[in-house]
Amino acid sequence: MENINEALTLLAIGMIMVFVILSLVVGVGNLVIGITNRYIREPEHPAKSAAAGKAIQPRKLAVIAAVVDVITSGSGKVDSIEKR
């Protein structure tokens, strides 16, 4: 009986420690994310301004619009085209 009590005590202590350590990891992670988001700003989207200078060829635009029209049976439209 003494061995079972010791085993259950170790089990409980181990589970509590795992919970505490994982809580600390989550808390520190959220703190780092919050500090990063507050003090480090994301740069303005330079890729958009560079892509705006490159106009798509009208012939390619017509082909893309035709494909979307055929696939969606006339219910879809092309709002924007982005290279990925």
C-alpha atoms as a PDB file:
ATOM      1  CA  MET A   1       0.000   0.000   0.000  1.00  0.00           C
ATOM      2  CA  GLU A   2       2.902   2.305   0.768  1.00  0.00           C
ATOM      3  CA  ASN A   3       4.280   1.838  -2.755  1.00  0.00           C
ATOM      4  CA  ILE A   4       0.950   2.811  -4.338  1.00  0.00           C
ATOM      5  CA  ASN A   5       0.751   5.982  -2.225  1.00  0.00           C
ATOM      6  CA  GLU A   6       4.302   6.908  -3.195  1.00  0.00           C
ATOM      7  CA  ALA A   7       3.572   6.203  -6.861  1.00  0.00           C
ATOM      8  CA  LEU A   8       0.385   8.309  -6.826  1.00  0.00           C
ATOM      9  CA  THR A   9       2.217  11.144  -5.074  1.00  0.00           C
ATOM     10  CA  LEU A  10       4.975  11.088  -7.685  1.00  0.00           C
ATOM     11  CA  LEU A  11       2.369  10.936 -10.441  1.00  0.00           C
ATOM     12  CA  ALA A  12       0.506  13.946  -9.058  1.00  0.00           C
ATOM     13  CA  ILE A  13       3.701  15.956  -8.554  1.00  0.00           C
ATOM     14  CA  GLY A  14       4.889  15.077 -12.056  1.00  0.00           C
ATOM     15  CA  MET A  15       1.600  16.071 -13.672  1.00  0.00           C
ATOM     16  CA  ILE A  16       1.508  19.345 -11.733  1.00  0.00           C
ATOM     17  CA  MET A  17       5.088  20.130 -12.783  1.00  0.00           C
ATOM     18  CA  VAL A  18       4.313  19.404 -16.435  1.00  0.00           C
ATOM     19  CA  PHE A  19       1.295  21.705 -16.243  1.00  0.00           C
ATOM     20  CA  VAL A  20       3.354  24.475 -14.595  1.00  0.00           C
ATOM     21  CA  ILE A  21       6.197  24.205 -17.118  1.00  0.00           C
ATOM     22  CA  LEU A  22       3.843  24.181 -20.118  1.00  0.00           C
ATOM     23  CA  SER A  23       1.972  27.168 -18.677  1.00  0.00           C
ATOM     24  CA  LEU A  24       5.267  29.030 -18.358  1.00  0.00           C
ATOM     25  CA  VAL A  25       6.193  28.180 -21.956  1.00  0.00           C
ATOM     26  CA  VAL A  26       2.835  29.454 -23.232  1.00  0.00           C
ATOM     27  CA  GLY A  27       3.036  32.589 -21.076  1.00  0.00           C
ATOM     28  CA  VAL A  28       6.579  33.455 -22.153  1.00  0.00           C
ATOM     29  CA  GLY A  29       5.670  32.768 -25.787  1.00  0.00           C
ATOM     30  CA  ASN A  30       2.674  35.103 -25.618  1.00  0.00           C
ATOM     31  CA  LEU A  31       4.811  37.745 -23.892  1.00  0.00           C
ATOM     32  CA  VAL A  32       7.458  37.561 -26.626  1.00  0.00           C
ATOM     33  CA  ILE A  33       4.787  37.767 -29.337  1.00  0.00           C
ATOM     34  CA  GLY A  34       3.172  40.769 -27.644  1.00  0.00           C
ATOM     35  CA  ILE A  35       6.475  42.621 -27.254  1.00  0.00           C
ATOM     36  CA  THR A  36       7.440  41.835 -30.840  1.00  0.00           C
ATOM     37  CA  ASN A  37       4.115  43.066 -32.206  1.00  0.00           C
ATOM     38  CA  ARG A  38       4.262  46.239 -30.127  1.00  0.00           C
ATOM     39  CA  TYR A  39       7.813  47.372 -30.900  1.00  0.00           C
ATOM     40  CA  ILE A  40       8.699  45.839 -34.259  1.00  0.00           C
ATOM     41  CA  ARG A  41       6.551  47.110 -37.084  1.00  0.00           C
ATOM     42  CA  GLU A  42       5.995  45.157 -40.257  1.00  0.00           C
ATOM     43  CA  PRO A  43       7.460  47.004 -43.244  1.00  0.00           C
ATOM     44  CA  GLU A  44       5.119  48.520 -45.760  1.00  0.00           C
ATOM     45  CA  HIS A  45       4.444  46.173 -48.632  1.00  0.00           C
ATOM     46  CA  PRO A  46       7.216  47.066 -51.091  1.00  0.00           C
ATOM     47  CA  ALA A  47       6.302  44.054 -53.238  1.00  0.00           C
ATOM     48  CA  LYS A  48       2.916  45.595 -54.016  1.00  0.00           C
ATOM     49  CA  SER A  49       4.426  48.823 -55.261  1.00  0.00           C
ATOM     50  CA  ALA A  50       6.931  46.898 -57.382  1.00  0.00           C
ATOM     51  CA  ALA A  51       4.168  44.706 -58.812  1.00  0.00           C
ATOM     52  CA  ALA A  52       2.024  47.758 -59.571  1.00  0.00           C
ATOM     53  CA  GLY A  53       4.642  48.978 -62.012  1.00  0.00           C
ATOM     54  CA  LYS A  54       4.423  45.749 -64.001  1.00  0.00           C
ATOM     55  CA  ALA A  55       1.118  45.701 -65.845  1.00  0.00           C
ATOM     56  CA  ILE A  56      -0.210  42.364 -67.024  1.00  0.00           C
ATOM     57  CA  GLN A  57      -0.509  41.945 -70.758  1.00  0.00           C
ATOM     58  CA  PRO A  58      -4.068  42.504 -71.986  1.00  0.00           C
ATOM     59  CA  ARG A  59      -4.029  39.224 -73.881  1.00  0.00           C
ATOM     60  CA  LYS A  60      -3.133  37.240 -70.743  1.00  0.00           C
ATOM     61  CA  LEU A  61      -5.802  39.111 -68.784  1.00  0.00           C
ATOM     62  CA  ALA A  62      -8.397  38.182 -71.411  1.00  0.00           C
ATOM     63  CA  VAL A  63      -7.395  34.518 -71.261  1.00  0.00           C
ATOM     64  CA  ILE A  64      -7.593  34.455 -67.459  1.00  0.00           C
ATOM     65  CA  ALA A  65     -10.992  36.164 -67.507  1.00  0.00           C
ATOM     66  CA  ALA A  66     -12.265  33.682 -70.111  1.00  0.00           C
ATOM     67  CA  VAL A  67     -11.073  30.689 -68.087  1.00  0.00           C
ATOM     68  CA  VAL A  68     -12.742  32.023 -64.923  1.00  0.00           C
ATOM     69  CA  ASP A  69     -15.944  32.651 -66.906  1.00  0.00           C
ATOM     70  CA  VAL A  70     -15.985  29.095 -68.263  1.00  0.00           C
ATOM     71  CA  ILE A  71     -15.139  27.435 -64.928  1.00  0.00           C
ATOM     72  CA  THR A  72     -17.729  29.399 -62.918  1.00  0.00           C
ATOM     73  CA  SER A  73     -20.389  29.305 -65.660  1.00  0.00           C
ATOM     74  CA  GLY A  74     -20.469  33.087 -65.865  1.00  0.00           C
ATOM     75  CA  SER A  75     -20.979  33.733 -62.142  1.00  0.00           C
ATOM     76  CA  GLY A  76     -17.351  34.553 -61.277  1.00  0.00           C
ATOM     77  CA  LYS A  77     -15.219  37.582 -62.001  1.00  0.00           C
ATOM     78  CA  VAL A  78     -11.527  38.440 -61.676  1.00  0.00           C
ATOM     79  CA  ASP A  79     -10.895  41.043 -58.980  1.00  0.00           C
ATOM     80  CA  SER A  80      -7.130  40.972 -58.905  1.00  0.00           C
ATOM     81  CA  ILE A  81      -4.191  38.987 -60.170  1.00  0.00           C
ATOM     82  CA  GLU A  82      -1.130  38.348 -58.002  1.00  0.00           C
ATOM     83  CA  LYS A  83       2.018  36.426 -58.726  1.00  0.00           C
ATOM     84  CA  ARG A  84       2.952  33.985 -55.956  1.00  0.00           C
END
